[in-house]
Amino acid sequence: MASLVFQKSRSMMLPALRASLVKPLLSNLLPTFLGGSFKIPSLASLLEELFPRILLAVPKKKVSHSRKAMRAANKGLKDKHNLVHCPGCGGPKLAHHLCPTCYSFLHRMWKSGNKDNHKLL
């Protein structure tokens, strides 16, 4: 019985408590949304939002030819060490690759239609 009385009194107090808490919050927030004046952001802040500072960074001076050449010096072509002589024609070729001279000769021969005249051994 005592618990029923406590539940009724609590249920009656909650709406009153909620109203007393919500009213000050609304009275404080509504004027800021409705009556506040909007400031237009400056051009500098708009540019900073659109383009971060890293995108606006540019070199101060032109890179000279000598500095550019020094930076690119290690990007040169590397020497090939796997060159061998072709057993068919004796020309230079890469190891484990087809000889370009022999291949072009065979390719031209096959294209011309003389497949039967020259048989490979």
PDB file of N, CA and C in Angstrom:
ATOM      1  N   MET A   1       0.815  -1.180   0.000  1.00  0.00           N
ATOM      2  CA  MET A   1       0.000   0.000   0.000  1.00  0.00           C
ATOM      3  C   MET A   1       0.869   1.259   0.000  1.00  0.00           C
ATOM      4  N   ALA A   2       1.910   1.189   0.776  1.00  0.00           N
ATOM      5  CA  ALA A   2       2.800   2.344   0.864  1.00  0.00           C
ATOM      6  C   ALA A   2       3.526   2.560  -0.459  1.00  0.00           C
ATOM      7  N   SER A   3       3.807   1.445  -1.158  1.00  0.00           N
ATOM      8  CA  SER A   3       4.480   1.581  -2.443  1.00  0.00           C
ATOM      9  C   SER A   3       3.579   2.221  -3.485  1.00  0.00           C
ATOM     10  N   LEU A   4       2.284   1.952  -3.442  1.00  0.00           N
ATOM     11  CA  LEU A   4       1.341   2.576  -4.377  1.00  0.00           C
ATOM     12  C   LEU A   4       1.274   4.078  -4.166  1.00  0.00           C
ATOM     13  N   VAL A   5       1.277   4.496  -2.927  1.00  0.00           N
ATOM     14  CA  VAL A   5       1.231   5.925  -2.619  1.00  0.00           C
ATOM     15  C   VAL A   5       2.513   6.594  -3.123  1.00  0.00           C
ATOM     16  N   PHE A   6       3.647   5.931  -2.928  1.00  0.00           N
ATOM     17  CA  PHE A   6       4.921   6.488  -3.375  1.00  0.00           C
ATOM     18  C   PHE A   6       4.969   6.602  -4.900  1.00  0.00           C
ATOM     19  N   GLN A   7       4.445   5.591  -5.622  1.00  0.00           N
ATOM     20  CA  GLN A   7       4.429   5.635  -7.085  1.00  0.00           C
ATOM     21  C   GLN A   7       3.535   6.755  -7.588  1.00  0.00           C
ATOM     22  N   LYS A   8       2.383   6.954  -6.953  1.00  0.00           N
ATOM     23  CA  LYS A   8       1.468   8.025  -7.381  1.00  0.00           C
ATOM     24  C   LYS A   8       2.095   9.393  -7.144  1.00  0.00           C
ATOM     25  N   SER A   9       2.729   9.560  -5.993  1.00  0.00           N
ATOM     26  CA  SER A   9       3.324  10.862  -5.701  1.00  0.00           C
ATOM     27  C   SER A   9       4.501  11.145  -6.643  1.00  0.00           C
ATOM     28  N   ARG A  10       5.257  10.079  -6.977  1.00  0.00           N
ATOM     29  CA  ARG A  10       6.386  10.261  -7.887  1.00  0.00           C
ATOM     30  C   ARG A  10       5.905  10.591  -9.294  1.00  0.00           C
ATOM     31  N   SER A  11       4.849   9.925  -9.755  1.00  0.00           N
ATOM     32  CA  SER A  11       4.341  10.194 -11.097  1.00  0.00           C
ATOM     33  C   SER A  11       3.740  11.584 -11.197  1.00  0.00           C
ATOM     34  N   MET A  12       3.245  12.120 -10.100  1.00  0.00           N
ATOM     35  CA  MET A  12       2.676  13.467 -10.135  1.00  0.00           C
ATOM     36  C   MET A  12       3.781  14.521 -10.097  1.00  0.00           C
ATOM     37  N   MET A  13       4.921  14.199  -9.492  1.00  0.00           N
ATOM     38  CA  MET A  13       5.997  15.171  -9.363  1.00  0.00           C
ATOM     39  C   MET A  13       6.853  15.274 -10.629  1.00  0.00           C
ATOM     40  N   LEU A  14       6.951  14.208 -11.396  1.00  0.00           N
ATOM     41  CA  LEU A  14       7.824  14.218 -12.574  1.00  0.00           C
ATOM     42  C   LEU A  14       7.424  15.262 -13.606  1.00  0.00           C
ATOM     43  N   PRO A  15       6.157  15.392 -14.005  1.00  0.00           N
ATOM     44  CA  PRO A  15       5.831  16.443 -14.984  1.00  0.00           C
ATOM     45  C   PRO A  15       6.152  17.842 -14.475  1.00  0.00           C
ATOM     46  N   ALA A  16       5.919  18.083 -13.211  1.00  0.00           N
ATOM     47  CA  ALA A  16       6.220  19.402 -12.655  1.00  0.00           C
ATOM     48  C   ALA A  16       7.727  19.641 -12.651  1.00  0.00           C
ATOM     49  N   LEU A  17       8.479  18.600 -12.325  1.00  0.00           N
ATOM     50  CA  LEU A  17       9.937  18.717 -12.306  1.00  0.00           C
ATOM     51  C   LEU A  17      10.484  18.939 -13.713  1.00  0.00           C
ATOM     52  N   ARG A  18       9.937  18.204 -14.676  1.00  0.00           N
ATOM     53  CA  ARG A  18      10.382  18.363 -16.067  1.00  0.00           C
ATOM     54  C   ARG A  18      10.098  19.764 -16.579  1.00  0.00           C
ATOM     55  N   ALA A  19       8.911  20.273 -16.283  1.00  0.00           N
ATOM     56  CA  ALA A  19       8.539  21.607 -16.751  1.00  0.00           C
ATOM     57  C   ALA A  19       9.454  22.663 -16.150  1.00  0.00           C
ATOM     58  N   SER A  20       9.821  22.489 -14.886  1.00  0.00           N
ATOM     59  CA  SER A  20      10.680  23.484 -14.247  1.00  0.00           C
ATOM     60  C   SER A  20      12.105  23.439 -14.807  1.00  0.00           C
ATOM     61  N   LEU A  21      12.538  22.267 -15.320  1.00  0.00           N
ATOM     62  CA  LEU A  21      13.876  22.173 -15.904  1.00  0.00           C
ATOM     63  C   LEU A  21      13.910  22.622 -17.359  1.00  0.00           C
ATOM     64  N   VAL A  22      12.860  22.333 -18.103  1.00  0.00           N
ATOM     65  CA  VAL A  22      12.843  22.615 -19.532  1.00  0.00           C
ATOM     66  C   VAL A  22      12.631  24.096 -19.806  1.00  0.00           C
ATOM     67  N   LYS A  23      11.833  24.754 -18.981  1.00  0.00           N
ATOM     68  CA  LYS A  23      11.509  26.160 -19.229  1.00  0.00           C
ATOM     69  C   LYS A  23      12.751  27.064 -19.221  1.00  0.00           C
ATOM     70  N   PRO A  24      13.669  26.951 -18.258  1.00  0.00           N
ATOM     71  CA  PRO A  24      14.869  27.810 -18.308  1.00  0.00           C
ATOM     72  C   PRO A  24      15.781  27.487 -19.488  1.00  0.00           C
ATOM     73  N   LEU A  25      15.841  26.217 -19.848  1.00  0.00           N
ATOM     74  CA  LEU A  25      16.680  25.862 -20.992  1.00  0.00           C
ATOM     75  C   LEU A  25      16.160  26.492 -22.271  1.00  0.00           C
ATOM     76  N   LEU A  26      14.857  26.394 -22.488  1.00  0.00           N
ATOM     77  CA  LEU A  26      14.281  26.976 -23.702  1.00  0.00           C
ATOM     78  C   LEU A  26      14.395  28.492 -23.707  1.00  0.00           C
ATOM     79  N   SER A  27      14.203  29.110 -22.552  1.00  0.00           N
ATOM     80  CA  SER A  27      14.284  30.571 -22.515  1.00  0.00           C
ATOM     81  C   SER A  27      15.710  31.055 -22.790  1.00  0.00           C
ATOM     82  N   ASN A  28      16.709  30.241 -22.465  1.00  0.00           N
ATOM     83  CA  ASN A  28      18.100  30.635 -22.735  1.00  0.00           C
ATOM     84  C   ASN A  28      18.506  30.365 -24.177  1.00  0.00           C
ATOM     85  N   LEU A  29      18.016  29.288 -24.773  1.00  0.00           N
ATOM     86  CA  LEU A  29      18.459  28.898 -26.106  1.00  0.00           C
ATOM     87  C   LEU A  29      17.705  29.600 -27.227  1.00  0.00           C
ATOM     88  N   LEU A  30      16.434  29.839 -27.068  1.00  0.00           N
ATOM     89  CA  LEU A  30      15.645  30.419 -28.157  1.00  0.00           C
ATOM     90  C   LEU A  30      16.126  31.800 -28.588  1.00  0.00           C
ATOM     91  N   PRO A  31      16.457  32.699 -27.704  1.00  0.00           N
ATOM     92  CA  PRO A  31      16.922  34.007 -28.185  1.00  0.00           C
ATOM     93  C   PRO A  31      18.203  33.921 -29.015  1.00  0.00           C
ATOM     94  N   THR A  32      19.057  32.977 -28.717  1.00  0.00           N
ATOM     95  CA  THR A  32      20.288  32.883 -29.497  1.00  0.00           C
ATOM     96  C   THR A  32      20.010  32.396 -30.907  1.00  0.00           C
ATOM     97  N   PHE A  33      19.037  31.518 -31.065  1.00  0.00           N
ATOM     98  CA  PHE A  33      18.716  31.021 -32.399  1.00  0.00           C
ATOM     99  C   PHE A  33      17.877  32.015 -33.189  1.00  0.00           C
ATOM    100  N   LEU A  34      16.921  32.660 -32.526  1.00  0.00           N
ATOM    101  CA  LEU A  34      15.997  33.526 -33.256  1.00  0.00           C
ATOM    102  C   LEU A  34      16.505  34.949 -33.392  1.00  0.00           C
ATOM    103  N   GLY A  35      17.017  35.523 -32.332  1.00  0.00           N
ATOM    104  CA  GLY A  35      17.348  36.936 -32.359  1.00  0.00           C
ATOM    105  C   GLY A  35      18.801  37.244 -32.623  1.00  0.00           C
ATOM    106  N   GLY A  36      19.661  36.258 -32.754  1.00  0.00           N
ATOM    107  CA  GLY A  36      21.086  36.505 -32.939  1.00  0.00           C
ATOM    108  C   GLY A  36      21.396  37.019 -34.331  1.00  0.00           C
ATOM    109  N   SER A  37      22.337  37.938 -34.431  1.00  0.00           N
ATOM    110  CA  SER A  37      22.752  38.428 -35.744  1.00  0.00           C
ATOM    111  C   SER A  37      23.869  37.525 -36.265  1.00  0.00           C
ATOM    112  N   PHE A  38      23.828  37.239 -37.538  1.00  0.00           N
ATOM    113  CA  PHE A  38      24.818  36.355 -38.145  1.00  0.00           C
ATOM    114  C   PHE A  38      25.968  37.182 -38.687  1.00  0.00           C
ATOM    115  N   LYS A  39      27.189  36.775 -38.369  1.00  0.00           N
ATOM    116  CA  LYS A  39      28.370  37.473 -38.862  1.00  0.00           C
ATOM    117  C   LYS A  39      28.825  36.813 -40.152  1.00  0.00           C
ATOM    118  N   ILE A  40      29.194  37.625 -41.114  1.00  0.00           N
ATOM    119  CA  ILE A  40      29.735  37.106 -42.367  1.00  0.00           C
ATOM    120  C   ILE A  40      31.229  36.882 -42.156  1.00  0.00           C
ATOM    121  N   PRO A  41      31.714  35.656 -42.422  1.00  0.00           N
ATOM    122  CA  PRO A  41      33.142  35.399 -42.194  1.00  0.00           C
ATOM    123  C   PRO A  41      34.010  36.185 -43.169  1.00  0.00           C
ATOM    124  N   SER A  42      35.197  36.496 -42.726  1.00  0.00           N
ATOM    125  CA  SER A  42      36.108  37.275 -43.559  1.00  0.00           C
ATOM    126  C   SER A  42      36.650  36.426 -44.700  1.00  0.00           C
ATOM    127  N   LEU A  43      37.219  37.085 -45.680  1.00  0.00           N
ATOM    128  CA  LEU A  43      37.758  36.406 -46.860  1.00  0.00           C
ATOM    129  C   LEU A  43      38.920  35.487 -46.489  1.00  0.00           C
ATOM    130  N   ALA A  44      39.739  35.905 -45.556  1.00  0.00           N
ATOM    131  CA  ALA A  44      40.884  35.082 -45.148  1.00  0.00           C
ATOM    132  C   ALA A  44      40.426  33.771 -44.516  1.00  0.00           C
ATOM    133  N   SER A  45      39.404  33.837 -43.668  1.00  0.00           N
ATOM    134  CA  SER A  45      38.928  32.600 -43.038  1.00  0.00           C
ATOM    135  C   SER A  45      38.245  31.698 -44.054  1.00  0.00           C
ATOM    136  N   LEU A  46      37.558  32.289 -45.046  1.00  0.00           N
ATOM    137  CA  LEU A  46      36.948  31.467 -46.098  1.00  0.00           C
ATOM    138  C   LEU A  46      38.015  30.768 -46.928  1.00  0.00           C
ATOM    139  N   LEU A  47      39.077  31.491 -47.286  1.00  0.00           N
ATOM    140  CA  LEU A  47      40.157  30.877 -48.054  1.00  0.00           C
ATOM    141  C   LEU A  47      40.843  29.772 -47.268  1.00  0.00           C
ATOM    142  N   GLU A  48      40.986  29.983 -45.966  1.00  0.00           N
ATOM    143  CA  GLU A  48      41.639  28.963 -45.144  1.00  0.00           C
ATOM    144  C   GLU A  48      40.780  27.707 -45.050  1.00  0.00           C
ATOM    145  N   GLU A  49      39.458  27.870 -45.040  1.00  0.00           N
ATOM    146  CA  GLU A  49      38.582  26.698 -45.005  1.00  0.00           C
ATOM    147  C   GLU A  49      38.594  25.978 -46.342  1.00  0.00           C
ATOM    148  N   LEU A  50      38.564  26.738 -47.438  1.00  0.00           N
ATOM    149  CA  LEU A  50      38.518  26.111 -48.757  1.00  0.00           C
ATOM    150  C   LEU A  50      39.852  25.486 -49.129  1.00  0.00           C
ATOM    151  N   PHE A  51      40.929  26.219 -48.907  1.00  0.00           N
ATOM    152  CA  PHE A  51      42.262  25.742 -49.258  1.00  0.00           C
ATOM    153  C   PHE A  51      43.113  25.723 -47.996  1.00  0.00           C
ATOM    154  N   PRO A  52      43.445  24.560 -47.486  1.00  0.00           N
ATOM    155  CA  PRO A  52      44.329  24.527 -46.311  1.00  0.00           C
ATOM    156  C   PRO A  52      45.678  25.162 -46.635  1.00  0.00           C
ATOM    157  N   ARG A  53      46.410  25.506 -45.622  1.00  0.00           N
ATOM    158  CA  ARG A  53      47.683  26.211 -45.802  1.00  0.00           C
ATOM    159  C   ARG A  53      48.677  25.405 -46.622  1.00  0.00           C
ATOM    160  N   ILE A  54      48.597  24.084 -46.547  1.00  0.00           N
ATOM    161  CA  ILE A  54      49.549  23.254 -47.295  1.00  0.00           C
ATOM    162  C   ILE A  54      49.323  23.391 -48.800  1.00  0.00           C
ATOM    163  N   LEU A  55      48.088  23.643 -49.224  1.00  0.00           N
ATOM    164  CA  LEU A  55      47.822  23.793 -50.649  1.00  0.00           C
ATOM    165  C   LEU A  55      48.273  25.145 -51.176  1.00  0.00           C
ATOM    166  N   LEU A  56      48.362  26.116 -50.309  1.00  0.00           N
ATOM    167  CA  LEU A  56      48.780  27.453 -50.736  1.00  0.00           C
ATOM    168  C   LEU A  56      50.299  27.617 -50.705  1.00  0.00           C
ATOM    169  N   ALA A  57      51.021  26.597 -50.271  1.00  0.00           N
ATOM    170  CA  ALA A  57      52.480  26.691 -50.189  1.00  0.00           C
ATOM    171  C   ALA A  57      53.089  26.549 -51.573  1.00  0.00           C
ATOM    172  N   VAL A  58      53.951  27.465 -51.934  1.00  0.00           N
ATOM    173  CA  VAL A  58      54.645  27.438 -53.223  1.00  0.00           C
ATOM    174  C   VAL A  58      56.118  27.741 -52.972  1.00  0.00           C
ATOM    175  N   PRO A  59      57.009  27.280 -53.858  1.00  0.00           N
ATOM    176  CA  PRO A  59      58.426  27.602 -53.665  1.00  0.00           C
ATOM    177  C   PRO A  59      58.684  29.098 -53.828  1.00  0.00           C
ATOM    178  N   LYS A  60      59.635  29.602 -53.061  1.00  0.00           N
ATOM    179  CA  LYS A  60      59.926  31.034 -53.122  1.00  0.00           C
ATOM    180  C   LYS A  60      60.773  31.408 -54.322  1.00  0.00           C
ATOM    181  N   LYS A  61      61.649  30.487 -54.760  1.00  0.00           N
ATOM    182  CA  LYS A  61      62.515  30.774 -55.903  1.00  0.00           C
ATOM    183  C   LYS A  61      62.552  29.588 -56.834  1.00  0.00           C
ATOM    184  N   LYS A  62      62.906  29.848 -58.068  1.00  0.00           N
ATOM    185  CA  LYS A  62      63.010  28.788 -59.071  1.00  0.00           C
ATOM    186  C   LYS A  62      64.203  27.890 -58.751  1.00  0.00           C
ATOM    187  N   VAL A  63      64.016  26.583 -58.939  1.00  0.00           N
ATOM    188  CA  VAL A  63      65.107  25.634 -58.707  1.00  0.00           C
ATOM    189  C   VAL A  63      66.067  25.728 -59.886  1.00  0.00           C
ATOM    190  N   SER A  64      67.350  25.937 -59.582  1.00  0.00           N
ATOM    191  CA  SER A  64      68.343  26.101 -60.646  1.00  0.00           C
ATOM    192  C   SER A  64      68.597  24.777 -61.356  1.00  0.00           C
ATOM    193  N   HIS A  65      69.187  24.881 -62.543  1.00  0.00           N
ATOM    194  CA  HIS A  65      69.468  23.691 -63.351  1.00  0.00           C
ATOM    195  C   HIS A  65      70.452  22.769 -62.643  1.00  0.00           C
ATOM    196  N   SER A  66      71.464  23.345 -61.996  1.00  0.00           N
ATOM    197  CA  SER A  66      72.472  22.504 -61.326  1.00  0.00           C
ATOM    198  C   SER A  66      71.861  21.751 -60.146  1.00  0.00           C
ATOM    199  N   ARG A  67      70.997  22.409 -59.372  1.00  0.00           N
ATOM    200  CA  ARG A  67      70.354  21.723 -58.245  1.00  0.00           C
ATOM    201  C   ARG A  67      69.421  20.629 -58.742  1.00  0.00           C
ATOM    202  N   LYS A  68      68.716  20.906 -59.813  1.00  0.00           N
ATOM    203  CA  LYS A  68      67.822  19.902 -60.388  1.00  0.00           C
ATOM    204  C   LYS A  68      68.620  18.711 -60.901  1.00  0.00           C
ATOM    205  N   ALA A  69      69.767  18.976 -61.527  1.00  0.00           N
ATOM    206  CA  ALA A  69      70.615  17.903 -62.048  1.00  0.00           C
ATOM    207  C   ALA A  69      71.217  17.077 -60.914  1.00  0.00           C
ATOM    208  N   MET A  70      71.604  17.740 -59.809  1.00  0.00           N
ATOM    209  CA  MET A  70      72.151  16.998 -58.667  1.00  0.00           C
ATOM    210  C   MET A  70      71.096  16.079 -58.060  1.00  0.00           C
ATOM    211  N   ARG A  71      69.866  16.548 -57.986  1.00  0.00           N
ATOM    212  CA  ARG A  71      68.805  15.736 -57.407  1.00  0.00           C
ATOM    213  C   ARG A  71      68.465  14.551 -58.302  1.00  0.00           C
ATOM    214  N   ALA A  72      68.567  14.730 -59.614  1.00  0.00           N
ATOM    215  CA  ALA A  72      68.218  13.673 -60.563  1.00  0.00           C
ATOM    216  C   ALA A  72      69.397  12.786 -60.929  1.00  0.00           C
ATOM    217  N   ALA A  73      70.568  13.011 -60.331  1.00  0.00           N
ATOM    218  CA  ALA A  73      71.766  12.258 -60.719  1.00  0.00           C
ATOM    219  C   ALA A  73      71.643  10.776 -60.409  1.00  0.00           C
ATOM    220  N   ASN A  74      70.979  10.423 -59.329  1.00  0.00           N
ATOM    221  CA  ASN A  74      70.882   9.013 -58.971  1.00  0.00           C
ATOM    222  C   ASN A  74      69.739   8.300 -59.687  1.00  0.00           C
ATOM    223  N   LYS A  75      69.038   8.981 -60.566  1.00  0.00           N
ATOM    224  CA  LYS A  75      67.921   8.382 -61.291  1.00  0.00           C
ATOM    225  C   LYS A  75      68.311   7.935 -62.693  1.00  0.00           C
ATOM    226  N   GLY A  76      69.589   7.797 -62.945  1.00  0.00           N
ATOM    227  CA  GLY A  76      70.058   7.413 -64.276  1.00  0.00           C
ATOM    228  C   GLY A  76      69.767   5.959 -64.596  1.00  0.00           C
ATOM    229  N   LEU A  77      70.073   5.561 -65.839  1.00  0.00           N
ATOM    230  CA  LEU A  77      69.865   4.182 -66.264  1.00  0.00           C
ATOM    231  C   LEU A  77      70.907   3.275 -65.627  1.00  0.00           C
ATOM    232  N   LYS A  78      70.466   2.090 -65.252  1.00  0.00           N
ATOM    233  CA  LYS A  78      71.373   1.110 -64.661  1.00  0.00           C
ATOM    234  C   LYS A  78      71.961   0.228 -65.764  1.00  0.00           C
ATOM    235  N   ASP A  79      73.195  -0.232 -65.568  1.00  0.00           N
ATOM    236  CA  ASP A  79      73.850  -1.112 -66.538  1.00  0.00           C
ATOM    237  C   ASP A  79      73.249  -2.510 -66.466  1.00  0.00           C
ATOM    238  N   LYS A  80      73.141  -3.159 -67.643  1.00  0.00           N
ATOM    239  CA  LYS A  80      72.659  -4.540 -67.718  1.00  0.00           C
ATOM    240  C   LYS A  80      73.850  -5.477 -67.593  1.00  0.00           C
ATOM    241  N   HIS A  81      73.734  -6.481 -66.743  1.00  0.00           N
ATOM    242  CA  HIS A  81      74.812  -7.443 -66.544  1.00  0.00           C
ATOM    243  C   HIS A  81      74.455  -8.822 -67.075  1.00  0.00           C
ATOM    244  N   ASN A  82      73.239  -9.000 -67.598  1.00  0.00           N
ATOM    245  CA  ASN A  82      72.815 -10.320 -68.058  1.00  0.00           C
ATOM    246  C   ASN A  82      72.764 -10.397 -69.590  1.00  0.00           C
ATOM    247  N   LEU A  83      73.761  -9.827 -70.276  1.00  0.00           N
ATOM    248  CA  LEU A  83      73.839  -9.910 -71.733  1.00  0.00           C
ATOM    249  C   LEU A  83      74.626 -11.159 -72.130  1.00  0.00           C
ATOM    250  N   VAL A  84      74.083 -11.874 -73.123  1.00  0.00           N
ATOM    251  CA  VAL A  84      74.758 -13.071 -73.645  1.00  0.00           C
ATOM    252  C   VAL A  84      74.704 -13.011 -75.167  1.00  0.00           C
ATOM    253  N   HIS A  85      75.452 -13.897 -75.833  1.00  0.00           N
ATOM    254  CA  HIS A  85      75.429 -13.982 -77.292  1.00  0.00           C
ATOM    255  C   HIS A  85      74.364 -14.983 -77.716  1.00  0.00           C
ATOM    256  N   CYS A  86      73.638 -14.635 -78.772  1.00  0.00           N
ATOM    257  CA  CYS A  86      72.596 -15.516 -79.308  1.00  0.00           C
ATOM    258  C   CYS A  86      73.267 -16.721 -79.978  1.00  0.00           C
ATOM    259  N   PRO A  87      72.823 -17.944 -79.684  1.00  0.00           N
ATOM    260  CA  PRO A  87      73.430 -19.114 -80.336  1.00  0.00           C
ATOM    261  C   PRO A  87      73.071 -19.220 -81.812  1.00  0.00           C
ATOM    262  N   GLY A  88      71.977 -18.562 -82.243  1.00  0.00           N
ATOM    263  CA  GLY A  88      71.560 -18.631 -83.644  1.00  0.00           C
ATOM    264  C   GLY A  88      72.307 -17.668 -84.538  1.00  0.00           C
ATOM    265  N   CYS A  89      72.326 -16.407 -84.155  1.00  0.00           N
ATOM    266  CA  CYS A  89      72.936 -15.389 -85.024  1.00  0.00           C
ATOM    267  C   CYS A  89      74.216 -14.811 -84.437  1.00  0.00           C
ATOM    268  N   GLY A  90      74.470 -15.000 -83.159  1.00  0.00           N
ATOM    269  CA  GLY A  90      75.685 -14.480 -82.543  1.00  0.00           C
ATOM    270  C   GLY A  90      75.552 -13.060 -82.039  1.00  0.00           C
ATOM    271  N   GLY A  91      74.381 -12.445 -82.198  1.00  0.00           N
ATOM    272  CA  GLY A  91      74.177 -11.071 -81.737  1.00  0.00           C
ATOM    273  C   GLY A  91      73.924 -11.020 -80.236  1.00  0.00           C
ATOM    274  N   PRO A  92      74.038  -9.824 -79.652  1.00  0.00           N
ATOM    275  CA  PRO A  92      73.801  -9.716 -78.211  1.00  0.00           C
ATOM    276  C   PRO A  92      72.304  -9.802 -77.894  1.00  0.00           C
ATOM    277  N   LYS A  93      71.984 -10.451 -76.786  1.00  0.00           N
ATOM    278  CA  LYS A  93      70.597 -10.543 -76.329  1.00  0.00           C
ATOM    279  C   LYS A  93      70.597 -10.686 -74.815  1.00  0.00           C
ATOM    280  N   LEU A  94      69.454 -10.422 -74.204  1.00  0.00           N
ATOM    281  CA  LEU A  94      69.307 -10.613 -72.767  1.00  0.00           C
ATOM    282  C   LEU A  94      69.152 -12.096 -72.469  1.00  0.00           C
ATOM    283  N   ALA A  95      69.734 -12.538 -71.376  1.00  0.00           N
ATOM    284  CA  ALA A  95      69.625 -13.943 -70.989  1.00  0.00           C
ATOM    285  C   ALA A  95      68.164 -14.280 -70.703  1.00  0.00           C
ATOM    286  N   HIS A  96      67.736 -15.459 -71.114  1.00  0.00           N
ATOM    287  CA  HIS A  96      66.377 -15.966 -70.918  1.00  0.00           C
ATOM    288  C   HIS A  96      65.336 -15.148 -71.678  1.00  0.00           C
ATOM    289  N   HIS A  97      65.739 -14.471 -72.756  1.00  0.00           N
ATOM    290  CA  HIS A  97      64.830 -13.716 -73.620  1.00  0.00           C
ATOM    291  C   HIS A  97      65.070 -14.149 -75.063  1.00  0.00           C
ATOM    292  N   LEU A  98      64.091 -13.841 -75.921  1.00  0.00           N
ATOM    293  CA  LEU A  98      64.266 -14.112 -77.349  1.00  0.00           C
ATOM    294  C   LEU A  98      65.220 -13.095 -77.956  1.00  0.00           C
ATOM    295  N   CYS A  99      65.974 -13.556 -78.941  1.00  0.00           N
ATOM    296  CA  CYS A  99      66.864 -12.649 -79.663  1.00  0.00           C
ATOM    297  C   CYS A  99      66.001 -11.787 -80.584  1.00  0.00           C
ATOM    298  N   PRO A 100      66.088 -10.465 -80.528  1.00  0.00           N
ATOM    299  CA  PRO A 100      65.248  -9.619 -81.375  1.00  0.00           C
ATOM    300  C   PRO A 100      65.551  -9.785 -82.860  1.00  0.00           C
ATOM    301  N   THR A 101      66.798 -10.037 -83.221  1.00  0.00           N
ATOM    302  CA  THR A 101      67.164 -10.208 -84.633  1.00  0.00           C
ATOM    303  C   THR A 101      66.560 -11.490 -85.189  1.00  0.00           C
ATOM    304  N   CYS A 102      66.741 -12.588 -84.475  1.00  0.00           N
ATOM    305  CA  CYS A 102      66.185 -13.872 -84.933  1.00  0.00           C
ATOM    306  C   CYS A 102      64.663 -13.826 -84.955  1.00  0.00           C
ATOM    307  N   TYR A 103      64.062 -13.207 -83.954  1.00  0.00           N
ATOM    308  CA  TYR A 103      62.605 -13.150 -83.891  1.00  0.00           C
ATOM    309  C   TYR A 103      62.043 -12.342 -85.056  1.00  0.00           C
ATOM    310  N   SER A 104      62.646 -11.196 -85.369  1.00  0.00           N
ATOM    311  CA  SER A 104      62.132 -10.386 -86.480  1.00  0.00           C
ATOM    312  C   SER A 104      62.287 -11.130 -87.805  1.00  0.00           C
ATOM    313  N   PHE A 105      63.385 -11.863 -87.979  1.00  0.00           N
ATOM    314  CA  PHE A 105      63.579 -12.654 -89.195  1.00  0.00           C
ATOM    315  C   PHE A 105      62.492 -13.726 -89.313  1.00  0.00           C
ATOM    316  N   LEU A 106      62.240 -14.475 -88.240  1.00  0.00           N
ATOM    317  CA  LEU A 106      61.205 -15.516 -88.256  1.00  0.00           C
ATOM    318  C   LEU A 106      59.811 -14.919 -88.433  1.00  0.00           C
ATOM    319  N   HIS A 107      59.571 -13.819 -87.806  1.00  0.00           N
ATOM    320  CA  HIS A 107      58.256 -13.176 -87.896  1.00  0.00           C
ATOM    321  C   HIS A 107      57.972 -12.722 -89.330  1.00  0.00           C
ATOM    322  N   ARG A 108      58.964 -12.098 -89.969  1.00  0.00           N
ATOM    323  CA  ARG A 108      58.786 -11.679 -91.365  1.00  0.00           C
ATOM    324  C   ARG A 108      58.586 -12.884 -92.271  1.00  0.00           C
ATOM    325  N   MET A 109      59.296 -13.961 -91.994  1.00  0.00           N
ATOM    326  CA  MET A 109      59.173 -15.162 -92.809  1.00  0.00           C
ATOM    327  C   MET A 109      57.772 -15.773 -92.649  1.00  0.00           C
ATOM    328  N   TRP A 110      57.266 -15.822 -91.424  1.00  0.00           N
ATOM    329  CA  TRP A 110      55.933 -16.394 -91.197  1.00  0.00           C
ATOM    330  C   TRP A 110      54.855 -15.513 -91.811  1.00  0.00           C
ATOM    331  N   LYS A 111      55.013 -14.193 -91.744  1.00  0.00           N
ATOM    332  CA  LYS A 111      54.027 -13.273 -92.316  1.00  0.00           C
ATOM    333  C   LYS A 111      53.969 -13.386 -93.838  1.00  0.00           C
ATOM    334  N   SER A 112      55.110 -13.643 -94.462  1.00  0.00           N
ATOM    335  CA  SER A 112      55.137 -13.702 -95.931  1.00  0.00           C
ATOM    336  C   SER A 112      54.490 -14.978 -96.466  1.00  0.00           C
ATOM    337  N   GLY A 113      54.289 -15.986 -95.630  1.00  0.00           N
ATOM    338  CA  GLY A 113      53.640 -17.213 -96.070  1.00  0.00           C
ATOM    339  C   GLY A 113      54.598 -18.302 -96.475  1.00  0.00           C
ATOM    340  N   ASN A 114      55.877 -18.172 -96.228  1.00  0.00           N
ATOM    341  CA  ASN A 114      56.869 -19.187 -96.577  1.00  0.00           C
ATOM    342  C   ASN A 114      57.100 -20.145 -95.409  1.00  0.00           C
ATOM    343  N   LYS A 115      56.044 -20.578 -94.776  1.00  0.00           N
ATOM    344  CA  LYS A 115      56.186 -21.453 -93.617  1.00  0.00           C
ATOM    345  C   LYS A 115      56.682 -22.839 -94.037  1.00  0.00           C
ATOM    346  N   ASP A 116      56.244 -23.305 -95.208  1.00  0.00           N
ATOM    347  CA  ASP A 116      56.611 -24.655 -95.641  1.00  0.00           C
ATOM    348  C   ASP A 116      58.043 -24.720 -96.168  1.00  0.00           C
ATOM    349  N   ASN A 117      58.543 -23.617 -96.741  1.00  0.00           N
ATOM    350  CA  ASN A 117      59.875 -23.636 -97.350  1.00  0.00           C
ATOM    351  C   ASN A 117      60.990 -23.729 -96.308  1.00  0.00           C
ATOM    352  N   HIS A 118      60.829 -23.044 -95.171  1.00  0.00           N
ATOM    353  CA  HIS A 118      61.879 -23.018 -94.150  1.00  0.00           C
ATOM    354  C   HIS A 118      61.369 -23.747 -92.914  1.00  0.00           C
ATOM    355  N   LYS A 119      61.864 -24.920 -92.696  1.00  0.00           N
ATOM    356  CA  LYS A 119      61.469 -25.677 -91.509  1.00  0.00           C
ATOM    357  C   LYS A 119      62.539 -25.507 -90.442  1.00  0.00           C
ATOM    358  N   LEU A 120      62.060 -25.352 -89.210  1.00  0.00           N
ATOM    359  CA  LEU A 120      62.993 -25.210 -88.091  1.00  0.00           C
ATOM    360  C   LEU A 120      63.515 -26.575 -87.682  1.00  0.00           C
ATOM    361  N   LEU A 121      64.767 -26.641 -87.260  1.00  0.00           N
ATOM    362  CA  LEU A 121      65.364 -27.911 -86.830  1.00  0.00           C
ATOM    363  C   LEU A 121      65.080 -28.194 -85.392  1.00  0.00           C
TER     364      LEU A 121
END
